[in-house]
Amino acid sequence: MLKKIIKIVLFVLAILVLTLGGFLIYSGITTLHVDDVEKLKVDGKSSKVINKGDNVKLMTWNVGYCALGDNESFFMDGGDGVVAKDKKRVESNLSNIIEKININNPDVIFLQEVDIKCKRSCKIDEKEEFEEALDLNKYNTTFAYNYKAGYIPYPFPTALGHVEAGIQTFSKYEIKSSDRIKLYNPFNWPISMFNLKRCLAVNRIAVGDKELVIVNQHLEAYDDGDGKEEQTKELKSLIDKEYELGNYVIVGGDFNQSFTNIDTSMYPFVEGNWKPGVIDSNKFENFNLLMDNSYPTCRSLSTPYVDKDKKTFPYYMIDGFMVSKNITVESINTLNYGFENSDHNPVLLNIVIN
């Protein structure tokens, strides 16, 4: 009898080991594999050029995969949300985000957290929806993957499941070339298979014999600080080199960090919530680091936002721009959309190419 029990236990253990091993192999195959530098495809028909003296309007918006409206929370921020509760709400968020982009009519758009048929956003191909709605007859666009996993098994019992997402850039000016630049990954195996693979999407637009280099980015969020710091160093190294070549450089996106030259005292840290990093603006001597603190650029996802006390809610300043000093900044404005359709507000930047 004892031998029979031991055989059953060993059989069950063997099945579990084989199942786990098979899942790890599957996860290793389906996770995002990238080289240090990869060419990105440029879609769209725009052939518009930039000349010196031109005014250019840019927008950055972390769209929260169109599933983090004011009705949602997120488990990584202490909430209970994992996947969107309602497909119609995701579709509504997406439609409203597109409408607000078109109303502002930016020349360049940096989008972060754009999903392609993910479980968390009800399998809507948001990349395709943005491309159709924003009209590739007037825009060029590039897409850089920063997240891909066949199946993410956590949190239990609900799971994130299949994830495929990235950062998307639109430009009314012709993008001559675009590269995905791999960034430092602070996570070890096997956790790294289920986390984002952060990157820079470096898009090049001709300005006479120089280039306007527009960099879309979404730096590390849920690390111990080492990832943010190292990725920021890599970003600085790249843009300093471009500036030294005489190029015009604009970095836009969600830094998951505040800038030291921005007053964030009106949005104090609330204990128990996610805490952003800090970028020392003094180290970016060739660049102006810009955020508009008139309104917060991001809200906490520890709880849904709707029907909460807006005065005491945890907010952040983490979305903005880095602009090389050979560019004149006319204005920067955070657009207060009340976090209805995303956990981030968009930020508009107006500049002049000198």
Protein backbone atom coordinates (compact mmCIF):
# COMPACT_ATOMS: atom_id res chain seq x y z
CA MET A 1 0.00 0.00 0.00
CA LEU A 2 2.83 2.40 0.92
CA LYS A 3 4.60 1.69 -2.39
CA LYS A 4 1.39 2.43 -4.28
CA ILE A 5 0.98 5.78 -2.49
CA ILE A 6 4.63 6.68 -3.19
CA LYS A 7 4.15 5.84 -6.89
CA ILE A 8 1.03 8.03 -7.08
CA VAL A 9 2.82 10.92 -5.33
CA LEU A 10 5.84 10.60 -7.65
CA PHE A 11 3.54 10.44 -10.70
CA VAL A 12 1.71 13.60 -9.62
CA LEU A 13 5.01 15.38 -8.95
CA ALA A 14 6.33 14.33 -12.37
CA ILE A 15 3.20 15.72 -14.04
CA LEU A 16 3.58 19.00 -12.14
CA VAL A 17 7.27 19.30 -13.05
CA LEU A 18 6.57 18.54 -16.71
CA THR A 19 3.68 21.03 -16.76
CA LEU A 20 5.77 23.77 -15.14
CA GLY A 21 8.71 23.01 -17.41
CA GLY A 22 6.48 23.10 -20.48
CA PHE A 23 4.96 26.40 -19.40
CA LEU A 24 8.41 27.96 -18.83
CA ILE A 25 9.54 26.78 -22.27
CA TYR A 26 6.36 28.20 -23.84
CA SER A 27 6.85 31.49 -21.95
CA GLY A 28 10.47 31.68 -23.07
CA ILE A 29 9.42 31.24 -26.68
CA THR A 30 6.51 33.69 -26.62
CA THR A 31 8.14 36.49 -24.62
CA LEU A 32 9.58 39.48 -26.50
CA HIS A 33 13.02 38.79 -28.01
CA VAL A 34 14.84 41.85 -29.38
CA ASP A 35 18.28 42.95 -30.53
CA ASP A 36 19.98 46.01 -29.06
CA VAL A 37 18.92 48.03 -32.11
CA GLU A 38 16.12 47.11 -34.50
CA LYS A 39 14.70 48.95 -37.49
CA LEU A 40 11.06 49.94 -37.13
CA LYS A 41 8.68 49.96 -40.06
CA VAL A 42 7.40 53.42 -41.05
CA ASP A 43 3.78 53.37 -42.24
CA GLY A 44 1.72 56.21 -43.68
CA LYS A 45 1.86 58.50 -46.69
CA SER A 46 2.94 61.86 -45.30
CA SER A 47 5.81 63.53 -47.16
CA LYS A 48 5.58 66.86 -45.35
CA VAL A 49 8.89 68.52 -44.40
CA ILE A 50 9.95 70.72 -41.48
CA ASN A 51 11.75 73.97 -42.11
CA LYS A 52 13.59 76.17 -39.66
CA GLY A 53 11.21 78.62 -38.08
CA ASP A 54 8.27 76.23 -38.22
CA ASN A 55 5.93 75.89 -35.26
CA VAL A 56 5.37 72.29 -34.22
CA LYS A 57 2.74 70.98 -31.80
CA LEU A 58 3.47 67.72 -29.96
CA MET A 59 1.33 65.62 -27.66
CA THR A 60 2.28 62.80 -25.30
CA TRP A 61 -0.35 60.53 -23.77
CA ASN A 62 -0.11 57.28 -21.87
CA VAL A 63 -3.51 55.94 -22.88
CA GLY A 64 -3.53 53.20 -20.22
CA TYR A 65 -4.37 50.61 -22.90
CA CYS A 66 -7.76 52.36 -23.02
CA ALA A 67 -8.85 50.22 -20.08
CA LEU A 68 -7.77 52.34 -17.11
CA GLY A 69 -10.55 54.90 -17.05
CA ASP A 70 -11.89 56.52 -13.90
CA ASN A 71 -13.85 53.35 -13.07
CA GLU A 72 -10.75 51.13 -12.76
CA SER A 73 -7.90 50.33 -10.37
CA PHE A 74 -4.82 48.16 -10.97
CA PHE A 75 -3.39 45.36 -8.84
CA MET A 76 0.25 46.49 -9.21
CA ASP A 77 -0.70 49.82 -7.61
CA GLY A 78 -2.59 48.19 -4.73
CA GLY A 79 -5.99 48.04 -6.42
CA ASP A 80 -7.98 44.96 -7.34
CA GLY A 81 -8.27 45.53 -11.10
CA VAL A 82 -6.58 43.09 -13.49
CA VAL A 83 -8.50 43.13 -16.77
CA ALA A 84 -11.16 45.54 -18.01
CA LYS A 85 -14.61 44.88 -16.58
CA ASP A 86 -16.50 46.00 -19.68
CA LYS A 87 -15.54 45.86 -23.39
CA LYS A 88 -17.97 48.67 -24.22
CA ARG A 89 -16.17 50.92 -21.74
CA VAL A 90 -12.81 50.14 -23.37
CA GLU A 91 -14.29 50.97 -26.78
CA SER A 92 -15.71 54.20 -25.35
CA ASN A 93 -12.36 55.15 -23.80
CA LEU A 94 -10.59 54.51 -27.11
CA SER A 95 -13.15 56.53 -29.07
CA ASN A 96 -12.96 59.46 -26.64
CA ILE A 97 -9.15 59.45 -26.64
CA ILE A 98 -9.11 59.56 -30.45
CA GLU A 99 -11.66 62.38 -30.45
CA LYS A 100 -9.57 64.43 -27.99
CA ILE A 101 -6.42 63.87 -30.04
CA ASN A 102 -8.17 65.06 -33.18
CA ILE A 103 -9.59 68.13 -31.42
CA ASN A 104 -6.07 69.19 -30.40
CA ASN A 105 -4.70 68.28 -33.85
CA PRO A 106 -1.03 67.73 -32.88
CA ASP A 107 1.70 67.42 -35.50
CA VAL A 108 3.51 64.73 -33.49
CA ILE A 109 1.90 62.23 -31.10
CA PHE A 110 3.67 60.01 -28.57
CA LEU A 111 1.39 57.24 -27.26
CA GLN A 112 2.29 54.72 -24.57
CA GLU A 113 0.51 51.50 -23.52
CA VAL A 114 -1.13 50.73 -26.85
CA ASP A 115 -2.48 47.17 -26.84
CA ILE A 116 -2.83 44.63 -29.64
CA LYS A 117 -5.55 42.09 -28.80
CA CYS A 118 -4.68 41.70 -25.12
CA LYS A 119 -6.94 40.06 -22.57
CA ARG A 120 -6.64 43.09 -20.28
CA SER A 121 -8.22 45.36 -22.93
CA CYS A 122 -10.80 42.87 -24.25
CA LYS A 123 -8.72 41.86 -27.28
CA ILE A 124 -9.22 45.13 -29.15
CA ASP A 125 -6.47 45.96 -31.66
CA GLU A 126 -5.84 49.50 -30.45
CA LYS A 127 -2.84 50.02 -32.74
CA GLU A 128 -4.99 49.39 -35.77
CA GLU A 129 -7.82 51.55 -34.39
CA PHE A 130 -5.48 54.50 -33.85
CA GLU A 131 -4.04 54.14 -37.33
CA GLU A 132 -7.46 54.05 -38.99
CA ALA A 133 -8.87 56.94 -36.97
CA LEU A 134 -5.86 59.27 -37.21
CA ASP A 135 -5.60 58.80 -41.01
CA LEU A 136 -2.30 57.55 -42.40
CA ASN A 137 -2.78 59.76 -45.44
CA LYS A 138 -1.70 62.68 -43.27
CA TYR A 139 0.43 60.90 -40.65
CA ASN A 140 3.45 58.62 -40.66
CA THR A 141 3.49 56.12 -37.81
CA THR A 142 5.85 53.67 -36.11
CA PHE A 143 5.23 51.07 -33.45
CA ALA A 144 7.79 49.63 -31.03
CA TYR A 145 6.91 46.57 -28.97
CA ASN A 146 7.82 46.74 -25.30
CA TYR A 147 5.60 43.97 -23.96
CA LYS A 148 4.81 40.52 -25.30
CA ALA A 149 3.91 37.37 -23.40
CA GLY A 150 1.93 34.33 -24.48
CA TYR A 151 0.29 34.04 -21.08
CA ILE A 152 0.90 35.86 -17.79
CA PRO A 153 -0.46 33.61 -15.00
CA TYR A 154 -0.73 36.20 -12.25
CA PRO A 155 -2.46 37.52 -10.22
CA PHE A 156 -4.36 34.42 -9.06
CA PRO A 157 -7.16 33.52 -9.68
CA THR A 158 -7.66 36.16 -12.38
CA ALA A 159 -4.69 36.41 -14.72
CA LEU A 160 -3.42 39.03 -17.16
CA GLY A 161 -3.23 36.32 -19.81
CA HIS A 162 -1.98 37.17 -23.30
CA VAL A 163 -0.24 40.55 -23.60
CA GLU A 164 1.06 42.30 -26.72
CA ALA A 165 1.66 46.05 -26.48
CA GLY A 166 4.01 48.92 -27.20
CA ILE A 167 4.62 52.61 -27.83
CA GLN A 168 3.24 54.24 -30.98
CA THR A 169 4.41 57.44 -32.64
CA PHE A 170 2.53 59.54 -35.22
CA SER A 171 4.01 62.41 -37.22
CA LYS A 172 2.55 64.71 -39.87
CA TYR A 173 6.13 65.16 -41.02
CA GLU A 174 7.83 62.42 -43.01
CA ILE A 175 9.75 60.02 -40.80
CA LYS A 176 12.91 59.15 -42.74
CA SER A 177 13.88 56.25 -40.47
CA SER A 178 13.08 54.79 -37.08
CA ASP A 179 14.88 52.50 -34.63
CA ARG A 180 13.91 50.58 -31.53
CA ILE A 181 16.71 50.98 -28.96
CA LYS A 182 16.78 48.33 -26.24
CA LEU A 183 17.01 49.58 -22.63
CA TYR A 184 18.41 47.96 -19.50
CA ASN A 185 16.15 45.30 -17.98
CA PRO A 186 16.34 45.16 -14.15
CA PHE A 187 14.44 41.87 -13.84
CA ASN A 188 15.99 38.39 -13.69
CA TRP A 189 14.68 35.16 -15.19
CA PRO A 190 11.97 33.89 -14.93
CA ILE A 191 10.25 37.15 -13.87
CA SER A 192 11.76 38.93 -16.88
CA MET A 193 9.65 36.79 -19.22
CA PHE A 194 6.48 38.35 -17.85
CA ASN A 195 7.64 41.99 -17.58
CA LEU A 196 7.96 44.81 -20.07
CA LYS A 197 11.10 45.06 -22.21
CA ARG A 198 11.55 48.85 -22.12
CA CYS A 199 12.86 50.69 -25.15
CA LEU A 200 13.26 53.99 -26.97
CA ALA A 201 11.52 54.57 -30.30
CA VAL A 202 13.90 56.93 -32.12
CA ASN A 203 12.27 58.58 -35.15
CA ARG A 204 14.18 60.84 -37.56
CA ILE A 205 12.73 63.76 -39.53
CA ALA A 206 14.85 65.82 -41.92
CA VAL A 207 15.36 69.53 -41.15
CA GLY A 208 17.64 70.85 -43.87
CA ASP A 209 20.96 69.06 -43.48
CA LYS A 210 20.15 68.17 -39.85
CA GLU A 211 17.45 66.02 -38.22
CA LEU A 212 14.66 66.43 -35.72
CA VAL A 213 15.03 63.32 -33.57
CA ILE A 214 11.76 62.54 -31.79
CA VAL A 215 12.08 59.90 -29.07
CA ASN A 216 9.04 58.14 -27.67
CA GLN A 217 9.69 56.41 -24.34
CA HIS A 218 8.04 54.74 -21.36
CA LEU A 219 10.62 54.09 -18.64
CA GLU A 220 10.51 51.51 -15.85
CA ALA A 221 7.71 51.63 -13.30
CA TYR A 222 7.74 48.71 -10.85
CA ASP A 223 11.46 48.25 -10.10
CA ASP A 224 13.44 49.12 -6.98
CA GLY A 225 14.83 52.27 -8.63
CA ASP A 226 17.84 50.69 -10.33
CA GLY A 227 15.95 50.22 -13.61
CA LYS A 228 14.76 53.81 -13.82
CA GLU A 229 18.22 55.14 -13.04
CA GLU A 230 20.05 52.98 -15.59
CA GLN A 231 17.47 53.56 -18.32
CA THR A 232 17.64 57.32 -17.73
CA LYS A 233 21.43 57.18 -18.14
CA GLU A 234 21.01 55.31 -21.44
CA LEU A 235 18.47 57.87 -22.63
CA LYS A 236 20.78 60.74 -21.70
CA SER A 237 23.72 59.16 -23.52
CA LEU A 238 21.72 58.79 -26.71
CA ILE A 239 20.23 62.27 -26.80
CA ASP A 240 23.51 63.97 -25.83
CA LYS A 241 25.17 62.33 -28.84
CA GLU A 242 22.38 63.54 -31.14
CA TYR A 243 22.64 67.08 -29.77
CA GLU A 244 26.43 67.09 -30.26
CA LEU A 245 25.83 66.18 -33.91
CA GLY A 246 23.82 69.39 -34.25
CA ASN A 247 20.45 67.67 -34.40
CA TYR A 248 17.23 68.88 -32.80
CA VAL A 249 16.00 66.45 -30.14
CA ILE A 250 12.66 66.02 -28.37
CA VAL A 251 11.92 63.20 -25.92
CA GLY A 252 8.30 62.68 -24.96
CA GLY A 253 6.38 60.20 -22.87
CA ASP A 254 5.81 58.68 -19.46
CA PHE A 255 9.09 58.87 -17.53
CA ASN A 256 7.62 57.29 -14.37
CA GLN A 257 9.74 59.97 -12.70
CA SER A 258 9.39 63.63 -11.80
CA PHE A 259 11.94 66.31 -12.74
CA THR A 260 13.79 68.17 -9.98
CA ASN A 261 13.13 71.52 -11.66
CA ILE A 262 9.34 71.01 -11.42
CA ASP A 263 7.44 71.98 -8.27
CA THR A 264 5.39 68.91 -7.29
CA SER A 265 4.52 70.06 -3.76
CA MET A 266 0.85 70.43 -4.68
CA TYR A 267 0.74 66.66 -5.30
CA PRO A 268 2.29 65.21 -2.11
CA PHE A 269 3.15 61.54 -1.80
CA VAL A 270 0.44 59.53 -0.03
CA GLU A 271 1.85 56.69 2.08
CA GLY A 272 1.01 53.23 0.82
CA ASN A 273 0.84 54.26 -2.83
CA TRP A 274 3.24 53.74 -5.71
CA LYS A 275 6.11 56.25 -5.60
CA PRO A 276 7.74 57.71 -8.73
CA GLY A 277 11.45 58.21 -9.18
CA VAL A 278 13.21 61.54 -9.66
CA ILE A 279 15.35 62.78 -12.57
CA ASP A 280 17.98 65.39 -11.71
CA SER A 281 17.41 68.09 -14.33
CA ASN A 282 20.86 69.60 -13.60
CA LYS A 283 22.49 66.57 -15.24
CA PHE A 284 20.77 67.35 -18.56
CA GLU A 285 22.78 70.46 -19.36
CA ASN A 286 21.89 70.43 -23.08
CA PHE A 287 18.16 70.04 -22.52
CA ASN A 288 15.14 71.76 -21.00
CA LEU A 289 13.12 69.31 -18.90
CA LEU A 290 9.46 70.27 -19.10
CA MET A 291 6.26 69.41 -17.23
CA ASP A 292 3.21 71.57 -16.58
CA ASN A 293 2.09 71.20 -12.95
CA SER A 294 -1.16 73.16 -13.40
CA TYR A 295 -2.82 69.76 -13.33
CA PRO A 296 -1.42 66.33 -12.41
CA THR A 297 -0.35 64.18 -15.36
CA CYS A 298 -1.20 60.88 -13.65
CA ARG A 299 -3.40 59.52 -10.87
CA SER A 300 -2.94 56.60 -8.50
CA LEU A 301 -4.53 53.31 -9.53
CA SER A 302 -4.89 52.09 -5.94
CA THR A 303 -8.63 52.66 -6.26
CA PRO A 304 -11.12 53.81 -8.92
CA TYR A 305 -11.21 57.58 -9.35
CA VAL A 306 -14.90 58.13 -9.94
CA ASP A 307 -16.82 59.44 -6.90
CA LYS A 308 -13.61 59.93 -4.87
CA ASP A 309 -12.52 63.13 -3.11
CA LYS A 310 -10.45 64.83 -5.84
CA LYS A 311 -8.66 67.12 -3.38
CA THR A 312 -7.05 64.32 -1.35
CA PHE A 313 -6.55 61.76 -4.13
CA PRO A 314 -2.91 60.69 -4.84
CA TYR A 315 -1.54 62.32 -8.00
CA TYR A 316 1.77 62.35 -9.87
CA MET A 317 3.82 64.48 -12.25
CA ILE A 318 5.55 61.95 -14.51
CA ASP A 319 4.63 62.83 -18.12
CA GLY A 320 6.44 65.50 -20.09
CA PHE A 321 9.25 66.34 -22.47
CA MET A 322 12.99 66.82 -22.76
CA VAL A 323 13.81 69.44 -25.41
CA SER A 324 17.27 70.27 -26.71
CA LYS A 325 18.34 73.89 -26.19
CA ASN A 326 18.57 74.60 -29.92
CA ILE A 327 14.74 74.50 -29.95
CA THR A 328 12.53 77.37 -28.69
CA VAL A 329 9.76 76.25 -26.34
CA GLU A 330 6.61 78.32 -26.80
CA SER A 331 4.35 76.58 -24.27
CA ILE A 332 3.59 73.37 -22.41
CA ASN A 333 0.14 72.46 -21.10
CA THR A 334 -1.30 69.51 -19.23
CA LEU A 335 -4.84 68.95 -20.53
CA ASN A 336 -7.17 68.27 -17.63
CA TYR A 337 -9.50 65.53 -18.87
CA GLY A 338 -10.31 64.30 -15.38
CA PHE A 339 -8.75 60.86 -15.96
CA GLU A 340 -12.05 59.76 -17.50
CA ASN A 341 -10.52 57.56 -20.21
CA SER A 342 -7.00 56.92 -18.93
CA ASP A 343 -5.07 57.15 -15.68
CA HIS A 344 -2.94 59.81 -17.40
CA ASN A 345 -3.69 63.28 -18.72
CA PRO A 346 -2.15 64.22 -22.08
CA VAL A 347 0.48 66.96 -22.30
CA LEU A 348 0.78 69.42 -25.21
CA LEU A 349 4.05 71.08 -26.22
CA ASN A 350 4.46 73.92 -28.73
CA ILE A 351 7.95 74.56 -30.08
CA VAL A 352 9.78 76.43 -32.84
CA ILE A 353 12.69 74.92 -34.76
CA ASN A 354 15.52 77.49 -34.64
